[in-house]
Amino acid sequence: MIQIKRVYDPPSRDDGARILAERLWPRGVKKESLHFDAWPKEIAPGTELRKWFQHDPAKWPEFQRRYRMELEGHPSVWQPILELAKKGNVTLLYSSHDAQHNNVAAVKSFLEERLSLQGDLKS
């Protein structure tokens, strides 16, 4: 199962592998206080796309389309996360205030689609 959680929320046993899915370190969080297993910065959108989007919900559909194109071009970044999700829980960590319109929500959807296509989605 793939889930998302804000970096400011406490970890739980159900989190499984905790992946920080941001390009920039979250504001106000000390590195030693954040419990995470990996930080593949390349899973986050490129700087140009991130700056264009600026967490504007009106741009969400186009952001998702562009971001998926970026992700499709870099399977070496997301494939390890997919493999972890086949074995157990994965929690993608984000710092945005908007839980619905952020890159981690888009990555979750992207990965779940791939798991579903492979018939490996754990419920």
C-alpha atoms as a PDB file:
ATOM      1  CA  MET A   1       0.000   0.000   0.000  1.00  0.00           C
ATOM      2  CA  ILE A   2       1.196   3.489  -0.836  1.00  0.00           C
ATOM      3  CA  GLN A   3       0.126   6.315   1.420  1.00  0.00           C
ATOM      4  CA  ILE A   4       1.095   9.941   1.844  1.00  0.00           C
ATOM      5  CA  LYS A   5       1.806  11.868   5.005  1.00  0.00           C
ATOM      6  CA  ARG A   6       3.065  15.326   5.891  1.00  0.00           C
ATOM      7  CA  VAL A   7       6.589  15.440   7.249  1.00  0.00           C
ATOM      8  CA  TYR A   8       5.218  17.284  10.263  1.00  0.00           C
ATOM      9  CA  ASP A   9       3.026  14.326  11.288  1.00  0.00           C
ATOM     10  CA  PRO A  10       4.531  11.742  13.646  1.00  0.00           C
ATOM     11  CA  PRO A  11       5.624   8.384  12.219  1.00  0.00           C
ATOM     12  CA  SER A  12       3.535   5.296  12.890  1.00  0.00           C
ATOM     13  CA  ARG A  13       4.047   1.545  12.701  1.00  0.00           C
ATOM     14  CA  ASP A  14       1.850   1.389   9.611  1.00  0.00           C
ATOM     15  CA  ASP A  15       4.127   3.715   7.629  1.00  0.00           C
ATOM     16  CA  GLY A  16       6.470   1.016   6.374  1.00  0.00           C
ATOM     17  CA  ALA A  17       9.263   2.509   4.274  1.00  0.00           C
ATOM     18  CA  ARG A  18       9.209   6.286   4.670  1.00  0.00           C
ATOM     19  CA  ILE A  19      10.329   8.105   1.529  1.00  0.00           C
ATOM     20  CA  LEU A  20      10.879  11.863   1.492  1.00  0.00           C
ATOM     21  CA  ALA A  21       9.567  12.786  -1.955  1.00  0.00           C
ATOM     22  CA  GLU A  22      10.627  16.424  -2.078  1.00  0.00           C
ATOM     23  CA  ARG A  23      13.481  18.096  -3.948  1.00  0.00           C
ATOM     24  CA  LEU A  24      14.060  20.641  -1.184  1.00  0.00           C
ATOM     25  CA  TRP A  25      14.406  19.926   2.519  1.00  0.00           C
ATOM     26  CA  PRO A  26      11.159  20.810   4.380  1.00  0.00           C
ATOM     27  CA  ARG A  27      11.172  24.088   6.258  1.00  0.00           C
ATOM     28  CA  GLY A  28      11.371  23.940  10.012  1.00  0.00           C
ATOM     29  CA  VAL A  29      12.358  20.256  10.151  1.00  0.00           C
ATOM     30  CA  LYS A  30      15.700  19.170  11.565  1.00  0.00           C
ATOM     31  CA  LYS A  31      17.321  16.358   9.616  1.00  0.00           C
ATOM     32  CA  GLU A  32      17.935  14.362  12.769  1.00  0.00           C
ATOM     33  CA  SER A  33      14.275  14.596  13.819  1.00  0.00           C
ATOM     34  CA  LEU A  34      12.664  13.378  10.583  1.00  0.00           C
ATOM     35  CA  HIS A  35      12.310   9.616  10.418  1.00  0.00           C
ATOM     36  CA  PHE A  36      12.810   8.591   6.800  1.00  0.00           C
ATOM     37  CA  ASP A  37      14.433   5.715   4.949  1.00  0.00           C
ATOM     38  CA  ALA A  38      15.302   7.400   1.658  1.00  0.00           C
ATOM     39  CA  TRP A  39      15.353  10.788  -0.007  1.00  0.00           C
ATOM     40  CA  PRO A  40      15.393  10.316  -3.778  1.00  0.00           C
ATOM     41  CA  LYS A  41      15.311  14.022  -4.701  1.00  0.00           C
ATOM     42  CA  GLU A  42      14.853  13.162  -8.374  1.00  0.00           C
ATOM     43  CA  ILE A  43      11.341  11.802  -7.670  1.00  0.00           C
ATOM     44  CA  ALA A  44      10.212  15.404  -7.188  1.00  0.00           C
ATOM     45  CA  PRO A  45       9.319  17.566 -10.190  1.00  0.00           C
ATOM     46  CA  GLY A  46      12.089  19.475 -11.893  1.00  0.00           C
ATOM     47  CA  THR A  47      12.747  23.038 -10.813  1.00  0.00           C
ATOM     48  CA  GLU A  48      11.070  24.561 -13.876  1.00  0.00           C
ATOM     49  CA  LEU A  49       7.875  22.553 -13.394  1.00  0.00           C
ATOM     50  CA  ARG A  50       7.821  23.148  -9.647  1.00  0.00           C
ATOM     51  CA  LYS A  51       8.170  26.914 -10.093  1.00  0.00           C
ATOM     52  CA  TRP A  52       5.518  26.957 -12.827  1.00  0.00           C
ATOM     53  CA  PHE A  53       3.000  25.038 -10.717  1.00  0.00           C
ATOM     54  CA  GLN A  54       3.425  26.971  -7.439  1.00  0.00           C
ATOM     55  CA  HIS A  55       0.766  24.731  -5.839  1.00  0.00           C
ATOM     56  CA  ASP A  56      -1.979  26.430  -7.873  1.00  0.00           C
ATOM     57  CA  PRO A  57      -5.023  24.081  -7.938  1.00  0.00           C
ATOM     58  CA  ALA A  58      -6.126  25.619 -11.261  1.00  0.00           C
ATOM     59  CA  LYS A  59      -2.909  24.244 -12.828  1.00  0.00           C
ATOM     60  CA  TRP A  60      -3.338  20.775 -11.256  1.00  0.00           C
ATOM     61  CA  PRO A  61      -4.479  18.818 -14.355  1.00  0.00           C
ATOM     62  CA  GLU A  62      -1.674  20.228 -16.525  1.00  0.00           C
ATOM     63  CA  PHE A  63       0.862  19.803 -13.724  1.00  0.00           C
ATOM     64  CA  GLN A  64      -0.047  16.132 -13.412  1.00  0.00           C
ATOM     65  CA  ARG A  65       0.327  15.608 -17.165  1.00  0.00           C
ATOM     66  CA  ARG A  66       3.735  17.298 -17.294  1.00  0.00           C
ATOM     67  CA  TYR A  67       4.948  15.613 -14.133  1.00  0.00           C
ATOM     68  CA  ARG A  68       3.935  12.159 -15.387  1.00  0.00           C
ATOM     69  CA  MET A  69       5.987  12.804 -18.497  1.00  0.00           C
ATOM     70  CA  GLU A  70       8.980  13.604 -16.285  1.00  0.00           C
ATOM     71  CA  LEU A  71       8.426  10.472 -14.208  1.00  0.00           C
ATOM     72  CA  GLU A  72       8.028   8.219 -17.247  1.00  0.00           C
ATOM     73  CA  GLY A  73      11.449   9.373 -18.421  1.00  0.00           C
ATOM     74  CA  HIS A  74      13.139   8.338 -15.160  1.00  0.00           C
ATOM     75  CA  PRO A  75      12.035   4.833 -14.135  1.00  0.00           C
ATOM     76  CA  SER A  76      15.282   4.296 -12.233  1.00  0.00           C
ATOM     77  CA  VAL A  77      14.020   6.845  -9.700  1.00  0.00           C
ATOM     78  CA  TRP A  78      10.542   5.439  -9.050  1.00  0.00           C
ATOM     79  CA  GLN A  79      11.084   1.734  -9.751  1.00  0.00           C
ATOM     80  CA  PRO A  80      12.766   1.099  -6.350  1.00  0.00           C
ATOM     81  CA  ILE A  81       9.763   2.683  -4.606  1.00  0.00           C
ATOM     82  CA  LEU A  82       7.455   0.478  -6.650  1.00  0.00           C
ATOM     83  CA  GLU A  83       9.413  -2.599  -5.582  1.00  0.00           C
ATOM     84  CA  LEU A  84       9.103  -1.578  -1.915  1.00  0.00           C
ATOM     85  CA  ALA A  85       5.346  -1.115  -2.354  1.00  0.00           C
ATOM     86  CA  LYS A  86       5.051  -4.648  -3.745  1.00  0.00           C
ATOM     87  CA  LYS A  87       6.497  -5.968  -0.482  1.00  0.00           C
ATOM     88  CA  GLY A  88       4.684  -3.765   2.034  1.00  0.00           C
ATOM     89  CA  ASN A  89       3.633  -0.297   3.058  1.00  0.00           C
ATOM     90  CA  VAL A  90       5.323   2.782   1.668  1.00  0.00           C
ATOM     91  CA  THR A  91       4.697   6.283   2.964  1.00  0.00           C
ATOM     92  CA  LEU A  92       5.605   9.191   0.719  1.00  0.00           C
ATOM     93  CA  LEU A  93       6.417  12.238   2.814  1.00  0.00           C
ATOM     94  CA  TYR A  94       5.626  15.800   1.730  1.00  0.00           C
ATOM     95  CA  SER A  95       5.645  19.267   3.254  1.00  0.00           C
ATOM     96  CA  SER A  96       2.958  21.080   1.241  1.00  0.00           C
ATOM     97  CA  HIS A  97      -0.106  22.429   3.038  1.00  0.00           C
ATOM     98  CA  ASP A  98      -2.373  21.128   0.270  1.00  0.00           C
ATOM     99  CA  ALA A  99      -2.747  17.349   0.568  1.00  0.00           C
ATOM    100  CA  GLN A 100      -4.604  16.988  -2.741  1.00  0.00           C
ATOM    101  CA  HIS A 101      -2.629  19.207  -5.117  1.00  0.00           C
ATOM    102  CA  ASN A 102       1.022  18.359  -4.581  1.00  0.00           C
ATOM    103  CA  ASN A 103       3.691  16.301  -6.283  1.00  0.00           C
ATOM    104  CA  VAL A 104       3.445  13.463  -3.761  1.00  0.00           C
ATOM    105  CA  ALA A 105      -0.257  12.973  -4.496  1.00  0.00           C
ATOM    106  CA  ALA A 106       0.660  12.794  -8.189  1.00  0.00           C
ATOM    107  CA  VAL A 107       3.497  10.304  -7.536  1.00  0.00           C
ATOM    108  CA  LYS A 108       1.169   8.136  -5.446  1.00  0.00           C
ATOM    109  CA  SER A 109      -1.350   8.003  -8.282  1.00  0.00           C
ATOM    110  CA  PHE A 110       1.402   7.315 -10.827  1.00  0.00           C
ATOM    111  CA  LEU A 111       2.829   4.427  -8.775  1.00  0.00           C
ATOM    112  CA  GLU A 112      -0.560   2.929  -7.944  1.00  0.00           C
ATOM    113  CA  GLU A 113      -1.421   2.828 -11.630  1.00  0.00           C
ATOM    114  CA  ARG A 114       1.765   0.910 -12.341  1.00  0.00           C
ATOM    115  CA  LEU A 115       1.103  -1.523  -9.515  1.00  0.00           C
ATOM    116  CA  SER A 116      -2.434  -2.041 -10.719  1.00  0.00           C
ATOM    117  CA  LEU A 117      -1.251  -2.715 -14.274  1.00  0.00           C
ATOM    118  CA  GLN A 118       1.150  -5.299 -12.902  1.00  0.00           C
ATOM    119  CA  GLY A 119      -1.540  -6.824 -10.676  1.00  0.00           C
ATOM    120  CA  ASP A 120       0.610  -6.246  -7.608  1.00  0.00           C
ATOM    121  CA  LEU A 121      -1.395  -3.666  -5.666  1.00  0.00           C
ATOM    122  CA  LYS A 122      -1.532  -4.672  -2.004  1.00  0.00           C
ATOM    123  CA  SER A 123      -4.782  -3.807  -0.265  1.00  0.00           C
END
